[in-house]
């Protein structure tokens, strides 16, 4: 006889499989509009604005650094590039391409870094 733990595990597993969308390619956590909102707070903090939302500033830095680290294979990256430099590169790209703000945020970060650091 199966234990209660095994049955519970199978029920949870079946539920997860049943309710997982078949096409998750359109799912993403942040889009460009979300990233721009956080980037604006980052810009405020960089200028010393005491009204900056430092939570969003940190989310921006963390998101950009995370995508940069995770997707490093998609662009060349010189040594000793700081998180601050990377965030500034992405911010510049976002400001120059408002027509792309509806796209997934990770794609925009990758595009910005590919433009700044082309793969050789």
PDB file of N, CA and C in Angstrom:
ATOM      1  N   UNK A   1       0.834  -1.179   0.000  1.00  0.00           N
ATOM      2  CA  UNK A   1       0.000   0.000   0.000  1.00  0.00           C
ATOM      3  C   UNK A   1       0.884   1.250   0.000  1.00  0.00           C
ATOM      4  N   UNK A   2       0.512   2.208  -0.802  1.00  0.00           N
ATOM      5  CA  UNK A   2       1.288   3.437  -0.893  1.00  0.00           C
ATOM      6  C   UNK A   2       1.063   4.301   0.335  1.00  0.00           C
ATOM      7  N   UNK A   3       2.113   4.974   0.715  1.00  0.00           N
ATOM      8  CA  UNK A   3       1.994   5.846   1.883  1.00  0.00           C
ATOM      9  C   UNK A   3       1.236   7.122   1.518  1.00  0.00           C
ATOM     10  N   UNK A   4       0.779   7.818   2.507  1.00  0.00           N
ATOM     11  CA  UNK A   4       0.052   9.078   2.297  1.00  0.00           C
ATOM     12  C   UNK A   4       0.965  10.101   1.631  1.00  0.00           C
ATOM     13  N   UNK A   5       2.238  10.097   1.980  1.00  0.00           N
ATOM     14  CA  UNK A   5       3.187  11.030   1.374  1.00  0.00           C
ATOM     15  C   UNK A   5       3.309  10.790  -0.126  1.00  0.00           C
ATOM     16  N   UNK A   6       3.383   9.521  -0.522  1.00  0.00           N
ATOM     17  CA  UNK A   6       3.508   9.202  -1.941  1.00  0.00           C
ATOM     18  C   UNK A   6       2.259   9.614  -2.710  1.00  0.00           C
ATOM     19  N   UNK A   7       1.104   9.347  -2.159  1.00  0.00           N
ATOM     20  CA  UNK A   7      -0.156   9.713  -2.808  1.00  0.00           C
ATOM     21  C   UNK A   7      -0.264  11.229  -2.909  1.00  0.00           C
ATOM     22  N   UNK A   8       0.092  11.917  -1.836  1.00  0.00           N
ATOM     23  CA  UNK A   8       0.041  13.390  -1.836  1.00  0.00           C
ATOM     24  C   UNK A   8       0.975  13.952  -2.898  1.00  0.00           C
ATOM     25  N   UNK A   9       2.177  13.386  -2.983  1.00  0.00           N
ATOM     26  CA  UNK A   9       3.135  13.837  -3.978  1.00  0.00           C
ATOM     27  C   UNK A   9       2.581  13.646  -5.388  1.00  0.00           C
ATOM     28  N   UNK A  10       1.971  12.501  -5.645  1.00  0.00           N
ATOM     29  CA  UNK A  10       1.408  12.232  -6.972  1.00  0.00           C
ATOM     30  C   UNK A  10       0.263  13.182  -7.298  1.00  0.00           C
ATOM     31  N   UNK A  11      -0.537  13.522  -6.319  1.00  0.00           N
ATOM     32  CA  UNK A  11      -1.642  14.466  -6.537  1.00  0.00           C
ATOM     33  C   UNK A  11      -1.091  15.854  -6.869  1.00  0.00           C
ATOM     34  N   UNK A  12      -0.098  16.284  -6.110  1.00  0.00           N
ATOM     35  CA  UNK A  12       0.512  17.600  -6.373  1.00  0.00           C
ATOM     36  C   UNK A  12       1.158  17.612  -7.747  1.00  0.00           C
ATOM     37  N   UNK A  13       1.885  16.570  -8.083  1.00  0.00           N
ATOM     38  CA  UNK A  13       2.537  16.479  -9.382  1.00  0.00           C
ATOM     39  C   UNK A  13       1.511  16.506 -10.521  1.00  0.00           C
ATOM     40  N   UNK A  14       0.450  15.730 -10.390  1.00  0.00           N
ATOM     41  CA  UNK A  14      -0.596  15.704 -11.417  1.00  0.00           C
ATOM     42  C   UNK A  14      -1.258  17.069 -11.556  1.00  0.00           C
ATOM     43  N   UNK A  15      -1.488  17.741 -10.458  1.00  0.00           N
ATOM     44  CA  UNK A  15      -2.093  19.077 -10.492  1.00  0.00           C
ATOM     45  C   UNK A  15      -1.182  20.060 -11.203  1.00  0.00           C
ATOM     46  N   UNK A  16       0.115  19.997 -10.919  1.00  0.00           N
ATOM     47  CA  UNK A  16       1.064  20.901 -11.574  1.00  0.00           C
ATOM     48  C   UNK A  16       1.090  20.666 -13.078  1.00  0.00           C
ATOM     49  N   UNK A  17       1.112  19.415 -13.480  1.00  0.00           N
ATOM     50  CA  UNK A  17       1.140  19.091 -14.906  1.00  0.00           C
ATOM     51  C   UNK A  17      -0.157  19.528 -15.575  1.00  0.00           C
ATOM     52  N   UNK A  18      -1.266  19.299 -14.918  1.00  0.00           N
ATOM     53  CA  UNK A  18      -2.567  19.635 -15.473  1.00  0.00           C
ATOM     54  C   UNK A  18      -2.738  21.136 -15.686  1.00  0.00           C
ATOM     55  N   UNK A  19      -2.229  21.934 -14.766  1.00  0.00           N
ATOM     56  CA  UNK A  19      -2.446  23.374 -14.827  1.00  0.00           C
ATOM     57  C   UNK A  19      -1.252  24.166 -15.359  1.00  0.00           C
ATOM     58  N   UNK A  20      -0.261  23.499 -15.905  1.00  0.00           N
ATOM     59  CA  UNK A  20       0.859  24.186 -16.528  1.00  0.00           C
ATOM     60  C   UNK A  20       0.456  24.544 -17.953  1.00  0.00           C
ATOM     61  N   UNK A  21       0.605  25.823 -18.343  1.00  0.00           N
ATOM     62  CA  UNK A  21       0.231  26.204 -19.713  1.00  0.00           C
ATOM     63  C   UNK A  21       1.109  25.490 -20.734  1.00  0.00           C
ATOM     64  N   UNK A  22       0.499  25.111 -21.834  1.00  0.00           N
ATOM     65  CA  UNK A  22       1.244  24.425 -22.883  1.00  0.00           C
ATOM     66  C   UNK A  22       2.200  25.369 -23.587  1.00  0.00           C
ATOM     67  N   UNK A  23       1.782  26.613 -23.789  1.00  0.00           N
ATOM     68  CA  UNK A  23       2.644  27.582 -24.449  1.00  0.00           C
ATOM     69  C   UNK A  23       3.060  28.628 -23.434  1.00  0.00           C
ATOM     70  N   UNK A  24       4.188  28.398 -22.803  1.00  0.00           N
ATOM     71  CA  UNK A  24       4.658  29.353 -21.812  1.00  0.00           C
ATOM     72  C   UNK A  24       5.654  30.334 -22.404  1.00  0.00           C
ATOM     73  N   UNK A  25       5.859  30.297 -23.718  1.00  0.00           N
ATOM     74  CA  UNK A  25       6.837  31.181 -24.338  1.00  0.00           C
ATOM     75  C   UNK A  25       6.448  32.647 -24.215  1.00  0.00           C
ATOM     76  N   UNK A  26       5.172  32.956 -24.055  1.00  0.00           N
ATOM     77  CA  UNK A  26       4.744  34.338 -23.941  1.00  0.00           C
ATOM     78  C   UNK A  26       4.777  34.812 -22.491  1.00  0.00           C
ATOM     79  N   UNK A  27       5.183  33.952 -21.585  1.00  0.00           N
ATOM     80  CA  UNK A  27       5.218  34.295 -20.170  1.00  0.00           C
ATOM     81  C   UNK A  27       6.585  34.866 -19.815  1.00  0.00           C
ATOM     82  N   UNK A  28       6.601  35.981 -19.129  1.00  0.00           N
ATOM     83  CA  UNK A  28       7.844  36.527 -18.617  1.00  0.00           C
ATOM     84  C   UNK A  28       7.512  37.377 -17.404  1.00  0.00           C
ATOM     85  N   UNK A  29       8.505  37.568 -16.566  1.00  0.00           N
ATOM     86  CA  UNK A  29       8.282  38.303 -15.331  1.00  0.00           C
ATOM     87  C   UNK A  29       8.149  39.803 -15.574  1.00  0.00           C
ATOM     88  N   UNK A  30       9.082  40.363 -16.317  1.00  0.00           N
ATOM     89  CA  UNK A  30       9.096  41.805 -16.555  1.00  0.00           C
ATOM     90  C   UNK A  30       9.126  42.090 -18.051  1.00  0.00           C
ATOM     91  N   UNK A  31       8.448  43.158 -18.437  1.00  0.00           N
ATOM     92  CA  UNK A  31       8.611  43.642 -19.802  1.00  0.00           C
ATOM     93  C   UNK A  31       9.405  44.945 -19.741  1.00  0.00           C
ATOM     94  N   UNK A  32       9.641  45.538 -20.905  1.00  0.00           N
ATOM     95  CA  UNK A  32      10.433  46.758 -20.951  1.00  0.00           C
ATOM     96  C   UNK A  32       9.829  47.891 -20.145  1.00  0.00           C
ATOM     97  N   UNK A  33       8.501  47.989 -20.136  1.00  0.00           N
ATOM     98  CA  UNK A  33       7.855  49.050 -19.356  1.00  0.00           C
ATOM     99  C   UNK A  33       8.169  48.907 -17.868  1.00  0.00           C
ATOM    100  N   UNK A  34       8.170  47.685 -17.374  1.00  0.00           N
ATOM    101  CA  UNK A  34       8.527  47.439 -15.975  1.00  0.00           C
ATOM    102  C   UNK A  34       9.979  47.840 -15.715  1.00  0.00           C
ATOM    103  N   UNK A  35      10.849  47.454 -16.646  1.00  0.00           N
ATOM    104  CA  UNK A  35      12.264  47.749 -16.495  1.00  0.00           C
ATOM    105  C   UNK A  35      12.527  49.251 -16.540  1.00  0.00           C
ATOM    106  N   UNK A  36      11.817  49.959 -17.408  1.00  0.00           N
ATOM    107  CA  UNK A  36      11.977  51.413 -17.507  1.00  0.00           C
ATOM    108  C   UNK A  36      11.558  52.089 -16.208  1.00  0.00           C
ATOM    109  N   UNK A  37      10.486  51.622 -15.614  1.00  0.00           N
ATOM    110  CA  UNK A  37      10.035  52.185 -14.333  1.00  0.00           C
ATOM    111  C   UNK A  37      11.133  52.043 -13.280  1.00  0.00           C
ATOM    112  N   UNK A  38      11.732  50.865 -13.209  1.00  0.00           N
ATOM    113  CA  UNK A  38      12.816  50.641 -12.252  1.00  0.00           C
ATOM    114  C   UNK A  38      14.056  51.451 -12.627  1.00  0.00           C
ATOM    115  N   UNK A  39      14.342  51.540 -13.935  1.00  0.00           N
ATOM    116  CA  UNK A  39      15.508  52.282 -14.417  1.00  0.00           C
ATOM    117  C   UNK A  39      15.401  53.759 -14.054  1.00  0.00           C
ATOM    118  N   UNK A  40      14.209  54.312 -14.110  1.00  0.00           N
ATOM    119  CA  UNK A  40      14.029  55.725 -13.756  1.00  0.00           C
ATOM    120  C   UNK A  40      14.367  55.971 -12.289  1.00  0.00           C
ATOM    121  N   UNK A  41      14.029  55.021 -11.450  1.00  0.00           N
ATOM    122  CA  UNK A  41      14.384  55.148 -10.032  1.00  0.00           C
ATOM    123  C   UNK A  41      15.899  54.998  -9.847  1.00  0.00           C
ATOM    124  N   UNK A  42      16.504  54.126 -10.635  1.00  0.00           N
ATOM    125  CA  UNK A  42      17.958  53.971 -10.605  1.00  0.00           C
ATOM    126  C   UNK A  42      18.623  55.287 -10.994  1.00  0.00           C
ATOM    127  N   UNK A  43      18.117  55.919 -12.065  1.00  0.00           N
ATOM    128  CA  UNK A  43      18.659  57.206 -12.497  1.00  0.00           C
ATOM    129  C   UNK A  43      18.546  58.256 -11.395  1.00  0.00           C
ATOM    130  N   UNK A  44      17.399  58.281 -10.717  1.00  0.00           N
ATOM    131  CA  UNK A  44      17.222  59.235  -9.613  1.00  0.00           C
ATOM    132  C   UNK A  44      18.267  59.000  -8.530  1.00  0.00           C
ATOM    133  N   UNK A  45      18.474  57.757  -8.183  1.00  0.00           N
ATOM    134  CA  UNK A  45      19.424  57.445  -7.108  1.00  0.00           C
ATOM    135  C   UNK A  45      20.844  57.815  -7.511  1.00  0.00           C
ATOM    136  N   UNK A  46      21.167  57.669  -8.786  1.00  0.00           N
ATOM    137  CA  UNK A  46      22.503  58.001  -9.272  1.00  0.00           C
ATOM    138  C   UNK A  46      22.776  59.506  -9.196  1.00  0.00           C
ATOM    139  N   UNK A  47      21.722  60.309  -9.261  1.00  0.00           N
ATOM    140  CA  UNK A  47      21.891  61.758  -9.174  1.00  0.00           C
ATOM    141  C   UNK A  47      21.746  62.260  -7.741  1.00  0.00           C
ATOM    142  N   UNK A  48      21.521  61.353  -6.805  1.00  0.00           N
ATOM    143  CA  UNK A  48      21.403  61.740  -5.405  1.00  0.00           C
ATOM    144  C   UNK A  48      20.029  62.224  -4.997  1.00  0.00           C
ATOM    145  N   UNK A  49      19.033  61.984  -5.837  1.00  0.00           N
ATOM    146  CA  UNK A  49      17.654  62.397  -5.526  1.00  0.00           C
ATOM    147  C   UNK A  49      17.151  61.607  -4.317  1.00  0.00           C
ATOM    148  N   UNK A  50      16.826  62.320  -3.255  1.00  0.00           N
ATOM    149  CA  UNK A  50      16.378  61.653  -2.028  1.00  0.00           C
ATOM    150  C   UNK A  50      14.975  61.063  -2.164  1.00  0.00           C
ATOM    151  N   UNK A  51      14.282  61.393  -3.238  1.00  0.00           N
ATOM    152  CA  UNK A  51      12.945  60.843  -3.466  1.00  0.00           C
ATOM    153  C   UNK A  51      12.980  59.546  -4.276  1.00  0.00           C
ATOM    154  N   UNK A  52      14.164  59.066  -4.575  1.00  0.00           N
ATOM    155  CA  UNK A  52      14.288  57.829  -5.354  1.00  0.00           C
ATOM    156  C   UNK A  52      13.727  56.656  -4.560  1.00  0.00           C
ATOM    157  N   UNK A  53      13.099  55.753  -5.279  1.00  0.00           N
ATOM    158  CA  UNK A  53      12.606  54.514  -4.681  1.00  0.00           C
ATOM    159  C   UNK A  53      13.758  53.511  -4.743  1.00  0.00           C
ATOM    160  N   UNK A  54      14.445  53.338  -3.636  1.00  0.00           N
ATOM    161  CA  UNK A  54      15.638  52.502  -3.622  1.00  0.00           C
ATOM    162  C   UNK A  54      15.317  51.013  -3.765  1.00  0.00           C
ATOM    163  N   UNK A  55      14.112  50.643  -3.468  1.00  0.00           N
ATOM    164  CA  UNK A  55      13.691  49.255  -3.700  1.00  0.00           C
ATOM    165  C   UNK A  55      13.713  48.972  -5.202  1.00  0.00           C
ATOM    166  N   UNK A  56      13.091  49.864  -5.997  1.00  0.00           N
ATOM    167  CA  UNK A  56      13.090  49.681  -7.451  1.00  0.00           C
ATOM    168  C   UNK A  56      14.483  49.836  -8.033  1.00  0.00           C
ATOM    169  N   UNK A  57      15.264  50.703  -7.448  1.00  0.00           N
ATOM    170  CA  UNK A  57      16.653  50.866  -7.880  1.00  0.00           C
ATOM    171  C   UNK A  57      17.400  49.541  -7.723  1.00  0.00           C
ATOM    172  N   UNK A  58      17.246  48.917  -6.588  1.00  0.00           N
ATOM    173  CA  UNK A  58      17.900  47.624  -6.338  1.00  0.00           C
ATOM    174  C   UNK A  58      17.371  46.525  -7.237  1.00  0.00           C
ATOM    175  N   UNK A  59      16.064  46.559  -7.509  1.00  0.00           N
ATOM    176  CA  UNK A  59      15.494  45.559  -8.422  1.00  0.00           C
ATOM    177  C   UNK A  59      16.093  45.720  -9.810  1.00  0.00           C
ATOM    178  N   UNK A  60      16.254  46.974 -10.241  1.00  0.00           N
ATOM    179  CA  UNK A  60      16.854  47.228 -11.558  1.00  0.00           C
ATOM    180  C   UNK A  60      18.278  46.690 -11.610  1.00  0.00           C
ATOM    181  N   UNK A  61      19.079  47.056 -10.625  1.00  0.00           N
ATOM    182  CA  UNK A  61      20.462  46.587 -10.598  1.00  0.00           C
ATOM    183  C   UNK A  61      20.524  45.056 -10.559  1.00  0.00           C
ATOM    184  N   UNK A  62      19.696  44.466  -9.727  1.00  0.00           N
ATOM    185  CA  UNK A  62      19.695  43.014  -9.598  1.00  0.00           C
ATOM    186  C   UNK A  62      19.244  42.321 -10.870  1.00  0.00           C
ATOM    187  N   UNK A  63      18.217  42.872 -11.501  1.00  0.00           N
ATOM    188  CA  UNK A  63      17.705  42.254 -12.724  1.00  0.00           C
ATOM    189  C   UNK A  63      18.749  42.323 -13.837  1.00  0.00           C
ATOM    190  N   UNK A  64      19.312  43.518 -14.036  1.00  0.00           N
ATOM    191  CA  UNK A  64      20.302  43.694 -15.098  1.00  0.00           C
ATOM    192  C   UNK A  64      21.522  42.804 -14.832  1.00  0.00           C
ATOM    193  N   UNK A  65      21.989  42.776 -13.596  1.00  0.00           N
ATOM    194  CA  UNK A  65      23.148  41.942 -13.266  1.00  0.00           C
ATOM    195  C   UNK A  65      22.826  40.460 -13.457  1.00  0.00           C
ATOM    196  N   UNK A  66      21.636  40.050 -13.065  1.00  0.00           N
ATOM    197  CA  UNK A  66      21.241  38.652 -13.206  1.00  0.00           C
ATOM    198  C   UNK A  66      21.158  38.212 -14.655  1.00  0.00           C
ATOM    199  N   UNK A  67      20.523  39.022 -15.487  1.00  0.00           N
ATOM    200  CA  UNK A  67      20.432  38.680 -16.913  1.00  0.00           C
ATOM    201  C   UNK A  67      21.825  38.696 -17.534  1.00  0.00           C
ATOM    202  N   UNK A  68      22.615  39.686 -17.176  1.00  0.00           N
ATOM    203  CA  UNK A  68      23.973  39.778 -17.702  1.00  0.00           C
ATOM    204  C   UNK A  68      24.786  38.533 -17.349  1.00  0.00           C
ATOM    205  N   UNK A  69      24.709  38.099 -16.111  1.00  0.00           N
ATOM    206  CA  UNK A  69      25.441  36.910 -15.696  1.00  0.00           C
ATOM    207  C   UNK A  69      24.903  35.647 -16.357  1.00  0.00           C
ATOM    208  N   UNK A  70      23.593  35.534 -16.425  1.00  0.00           N
ATOM    209  CA  UNK A  70      22.976  34.315 -16.954  1.00  0.00           C
ATOM    210  C   UNK A  70      23.112  34.181 -18.462  1.00  0.00           C
ATOM    211  N   UNK A  71      23.150  35.289 -19.159  1.00  0.00           N
ATOM    212  CA  UNK A  71      23.146  35.250 -20.627  1.00  0.00           C
ATOM    213  C   UNK A  71      24.457  35.722 -21.237  1.00  0.00           C
ATOM    214  N   UNK A  72      25.530  35.627 -20.486  1.00  0.00           N
ATOM    215  CA  UNK A  72      26.842  36.112 -20.931  1.00  0.00           C
ATOM    216  C   UNK A  72      27.281  35.488 -22.267  1.00  0.00           C
ATOM    217  N   UNK A  73      26.783  34.332 -22.601  1.00  0.00           N
ATOM    218  CA  UNK A  73      27.167  33.667 -23.850  1.00  0.00           C
ATOM    219  C   UNK A  73      26.644  34.396 -25.086  1.00  0.00           C
ATOM    220  N   UNK A  74      25.679  35.297 -24.901  1.00  0.00           N
ATOM    221  CA  UNK A  74      25.073  35.982 -26.040  1.00  0.00           C
ATOM    222  C   UNK A  74      25.797  37.259 -26.442  1.00  0.00           C
ATOM    223  N   UNK A  75      26.788  37.682 -25.683  1.00  0.00           N
ATOM    224  CA  UNK A  75      27.516  38.907 -26.013  1.00  0.00           C
ATOM    225  C   UNK A  75      28.941  38.779 -25.495  1.00  0.00           C
ATOM    226  N   UNK A  76      29.827  39.584 -26.056  1.00  0.00           N
ATOM    227  CA  UNK A  76      31.190  39.621 -25.548  1.00  0.00           C
ATOM    228  C   UNK A  76      31.209  40.544 -24.349  1.00  0.00           C
ATOM    229  N   UNK A  77      32.062  40.291 -23.418  1.00  0.00           N
ATOM    230  CA  UNK A  77      32.114  41.151 -22.242  1.00  0.00           C
ATOM    231  C   UNK A  77      33.555  41.343 -21.819  1.00  0.00           C
ATOM    232  N   UNK A  78      34.012  42.578 -21.884  1.00  0.00           N
ATOM    233  CA  UNK A  78      35.379  42.817 -21.442  1.00  0.00           C
ATOM    234  C   UNK A  78      35.497  42.600 -19.930  1.00  0.00           C
ATOM    235  N   UNK A  79      36.701  42.334 -19.489  1.00  0.00           N
ATOM    236  CA  UNK A  79      36.928  42.133 -18.055  1.00  0.00           C
ATOM    237  C   UNK A  79      36.705  43.436 -17.299  1.00  0.00           C
ATOM    238  N   UNK A  80      36.390  43.292 -16.034  1.00  0.00           N
ATOM    239  CA  UNK A  80      36.272  44.410 -15.097  1.00  0.00           C
ATOM    240  C   UNK A  80      35.117  45.369 -15.384  1.00  0.00           C
ATOM    241  N   UNK A  81      34.098  44.924 -16.090  1.00  0.00           N
ATOM    242  CA  UNK A  81      32.903  45.750 -16.278  1.00  0.00           C
ATOM    243  C   UNK A  81      32.109  45.686 -14.983  1.00  0.00           C
ATOM    244  N   UNK A  82      31.734  46.837 -14.461  1.00  0.00           N
ATOM    245  CA  UNK A  82      31.013  46.871 -13.195  1.00  0.00           C
ATOM    246  C   UNK A  82      29.507  46.776 -13.423  1.00  0.00           C
ATOM    247  N   UNK A  83      28.785  46.479 -12.364  1.00  0.00           N
ATOM    248  CA  UNK A  83      27.325  46.457 -12.432  1.00  0.00           C
ATOM    249  C   UNK A  83      26.817  47.846 -12.801  1.00  0.00           C
ATOM    250  N   UNK A  84      27.450  48.878 -12.261  1.00  0.00           N
ATOM    251  CA  UNK A  84      27.053  50.245 -12.576  1.00  0.00           C
ATOM    252  C   UNK A  84      27.190  50.558 -14.055  1.00  0.00           C
ATOM    253  N   UNK A  85      28.287  50.126 -14.659  1.00  0.00           N
ATOM    254  CA  UNK A  85      28.476  50.340 -16.092  1.00  0.00           C
ATOM    255  C   UNK A  85      27.419  49.583 -16.894  1.00  0.00           C
ATOM    256  N   UNK A  86      27.188  48.353 -16.509  1.00  0.00           N
ATOM    257  CA  UNK A  86      26.195  47.542 -17.207  1.00  0.00           C
ATOM    258  C   UNK A  86      24.811  48.177 -17.099  1.00  0.00           C
ATOM    259  N   UNK A  87      24.456  48.651 -15.918  1.00  0.00           N
ATOM    260  CA  UNK A  87      23.156  49.305 -15.732  1.00  0.00           C
ATOM    261  C   UNK A  87      23.048  50.575 -16.567  1.00  0.00           C
ATOM    262  N   UNK A  88      24.136  51.320 -16.674  1.00  0.00           N
ATOM    263  CA  UNK A  88      24.129  52.543 -17.485  1.00  0.00           C
ATOM    264  C   UNK A  88      23.985  52.234 -18.968  1.00  0.00           C
ATOM    265  N   UNK A  89      24.622  51.176 -19.421  1.00  0.00           N
ATOM    266  CA  UNK A  89      24.517  50.760 -20.826  1.00  0.00           C
ATOM    267  C   UNK A  89      23.074  50.376 -21.145  1.00  0.00           C
ATOM    268  N   UNK A  90      22.467  49.602 -20.268  1.00  0.00           N
ATOM    269  CA  UNK A  90      21.077  49.181 -20.475  1.00  0.00           C
ATOM    270  C   UNK A  90      20.146  50.390 -20.416  1.00  0.00           C
ATOM    271  N   UNK A  91      20.378  51.298 -19.488  1.00  0.00           N
ATOM    272  CA  UNK A  91      19.542  52.506 -19.366  1.00  0.00           C
ATOM    273  C   UNK A  91      19.613  53.335 -20.651  1.00  0.00           C
ATOM    274  N   UNK A  92      20.804  53.509 -21.179  1.00  0.00           N
ATOM    275  CA  UNK A  92      20.971  54.271 -22.427  1.00  0.00           C
ATOM    276  C   UNK A  92      20.186  53.616 -23.560  1.00  0.00           C
ATOM    277  N   UNK A  93      20.278  52.295 -23.652  1.00  0.00           N
ATOM    278  CA  UNK A  93      19.570  51.559 -24.703  1.00  0.00           C
ATOM    279  C   UNK A  93      18.055  51.719 -24.549  1.00  0.00           C
ATOM    280  N   UNK A  94      17.569  51.608 -23.328  1.00  0.00           N
ATOM    281  CA  UNK A  94      16.129  51.752 -23.093  1.00  0.00           C
ATOM    282  C   UNK A  94      15.644  53.143 -23.483  1.00  0.00           C
ATOM    283  N   UNK A  95      16.412  54.157 -23.154  1.00  0.00           N
ATOM    284  CA  UNK A  95      16.028  55.535 -23.479  1.00  0.00           C
ATOM    285  C   UNK A  95      16.023  55.770 -24.990  1.00  0.00           C
ATOM    286  N   UNK A  96      16.900  55.096 -25.703  1.00  0.00           N
ATOM    287  CA  UNK A  96      16.987  55.255 -27.159  1.00  0.00           C
ATOM    288  C   UNK A  96      15.963  54.421 -27.923  1.00  0.00           C
ATOM    289  N   UNK A  97      15.313  53.457 -27.248  1.00  0.00           N
ATOM    290  CA  UNK A  97      14.396  52.548 -27.941  1.00  0.00           C
ATOM    291  C   UNK A  97      13.055  52.387 -27.216  1.00  0.00           C
ATOM    292  N   UNK A  98      12.296  53.466 -27.055  1.00  0.00           N
ATOM    293  CA  UNK A  98      11.004  53.333 -26.375  1.00  0.00           C
ATOM    294  C   UNK A  98      10.007  52.457 -27.145  1.00  0.00           C
ATOM    295  N   UNK A  99      10.220  52.290 -28.424  1.00  0.00           N
ATOM    296  CA  UNK A  99       9.323  51.453 -29.228  1.00  0.00           C
ATOM    297  C   UNK A  99       9.430  49.976 -28.856  1.00  0.00           C
ATOM    298  N   UNK A 100      10.455  49.608 -28.110  1.00  0.00           N
ATOM    299  CA  UNK A 100      10.668  48.214 -27.729  1.00  0.00           C
ATOM    300  C   UNK A 100      10.228  47.904 -26.305  1.00  0.00           C
ATOM    301  N   UNK A 101       9.688  48.873 -25.592  1.00  0.00           N
ATOM    302  CA  UNK A 101       9.372  48.683 -24.185  1.00  0.00           C
ATOM    303  C   UNK A 101       8.314  47.616 -23.926  1.00  0.00           C
ATOM    304  N   UNK A 102       7.581  47.208 -24.941  1.00  0.00           N
ATOM    305  CA  UNK A 102       6.582  46.156 -24.762  1.00  0.00           C
ATOM    306  C   UNK A 102       7.201  44.756 -24.814  1.00  0.00           C
ATOM    307  N   UNK A 103       8.456  44.667 -25.171  1.00  0.00           N
ATOM    308  CA  UNK A 103       9.140  43.373 -25.292  1.00  0.00           C
ATOM    309  C   UNK A 103       9.593  42.872 -23.920  1.00  0.00           C
ATOM    310  N   UNK A 104       9.897  41.583 -23.827  1.00  0.00           N
ATOM    311  CA  UNK A 104      10.407  41.050 -22.558  1.00  0.00           C
ATOM    312  C   UNK A 104      11.683  41.773 -22.125  1.00  0.00           C
ATOM    313  N   UNK A 105      11.782  42.061 -20.841  1.00  0.00           N
ATOM    314  CA  UNK A 105      12.909  42.827 -20.308  1.00  0.00           C
ATOM    315  C   UNK A 105      14.246  42.126 -20.534  1.00  0.00           C
ATOM    316  N   UNK A 106      14.279  40.806 -20.404  1.00  0.00           N
ATOM    317  CA  UNK A 106      15.564  40.122 -20.583  1.00  0.00           C
ATOM    318  C   UNK A 106      16.091  40.271 -22.001  1.00  0.00           C
ATOM    319  N   UNK A 107      15.189  40.293 -22.972  1.00  0.00           N
ATOM    320  CA  UNK A 107      15.602  40.480 -24.369  1.00  0.00           C
ATOM    321  C   UNK A 107      16.217  41.862 -24.545  1.00  0.00           C
ATOM    322  N   UNK A 108      15.628  42.874 -23.922  1.00  0.00           N
ATOM    323  CA  UNK A 108      16.156  44.235 -24.035  1.00  0.00           C
ATOM    324  C   UNK A 108      17.533  44.361 -23.393  1.00  0.00           C
ATOM    325  N   UNK A 109      17.720  43.715 -22.266  1.00  0.00           N
ATOM    326  CA  UNK A 109      19.033  43.738 -21.608  1.00  0.00           C
ATOM    327  C   UNK A 109      20.069  43.080 -22.511  1.00  0.00           C
ATOM    328  N   UNK A 110      19.719  41.941 -23.072  1.00  0.00           N
ATOM    329  CA  UNK A 110      20.648  41.231 -23.959  1.00  0.00           C
ATOM    330  C   UNK A 110      20.970  42.079 -25.187  1.00  0.00           C
ATOM    331  N   UNK A 111      19.957  42.684 -25.804  1.00  0.00           N
ATOM    332  CA  UNK A 111      20.193  43.532 -26.978  1.00  0.00           C
ATOM    333  C   UNK A 111      21.122  44.691 -26.648  1.00  0.00           C
ATOM    334  N   UNK A 112      20.901  45.327 -25.508  1.00  0.00           N
ATOM    335  CA  UNK A 112      21.747  46.452 -25.096  1.00  0.00           C
ATOM    336  C   UNK A 112      23.195  46.007 -24.936  1.00  0.00           C
ATOM    337  N   UNK A 113      23.385  44.860 -24.310  1.00  0.00           N
ATOM    338  CA  UNK A 113      24.744  44.391 -24.067  1.00  0.00           C
ATOM    339  C   UNK A 113      25.398  43.852 -25.345  1.00  0.00           C
ATOM    340  N   UNK A 114      24.598  43.295 -26.248  1.00  0.00           N
ATOM    341  CA  UNK A 114      25.141  42.865 -27.537  1.00  0.00           C
ATOM    342  C   UNK A 114      25.621  44.069 -28.344  1.00  0.00           C
ATOM    343  N   UNK A 115      24.872  45.150 -28.275  1.00  0.00           N
ATOM    344  CA  UNK A 115      25.252  46.369 -28.990  1.00  0.00           C
ATOM    345  C   UNK A 115      26.537  46.955 -28.402  1.00  0.00           C
ATOM    346  N   UNK A 116      26.634  46.965 -27.082  1.00  0.00           N
ATOM    347  CA  UNK A 116      27.801  47.533 -26.416  1.00  0.00           C
ATOM    348  C   UNK A 116      29.035  46.624 -26.500  1.00  0.00           C
ATOM    349  N   UNK A 117      28.790  45.322 -26.421  1.00  0.00           N
ATOM    350  CA  UNK A 117      29.880  44.355 -26.400  1.00  0.00           C
ATOM    351  C   UNK A 117      29.627  43.256 -27.421  1.00  0.00           C
ATOM    352  N   UNK A 118      29.824  43.568 -28.719  1.00  0.00           N
ATOM    353  CA  UNK A 118      29.571  42.544 -29.738  1.00  0.00           C
ATOM    354  C   UNK A 118      30.476  41.331 -29.518  1.00  0.00           C
ATOM    355  N   UNK A 119      29.921  40.188 -29.825  1.00  0.00           N
ATOM    356  CA  UNK A 119      30.677  38.940 -29.701  1.00  0.00           C
ATOM    357  C   UNK A 119      31.676  38.866 -30.857  1.00  0.00           C
ATOM    358  N   UNK A 120      32.869  38.450 -30.554  1.00  0.00           N
ATOM    359  CA  UNK A 120      33.913  38.391 -31.613  1.00  0.00           C
ATOM    360  C   UNK A 120      34.048  37.024 -32.173  1.00  0.00           C
TER     361      UNK A 120
END
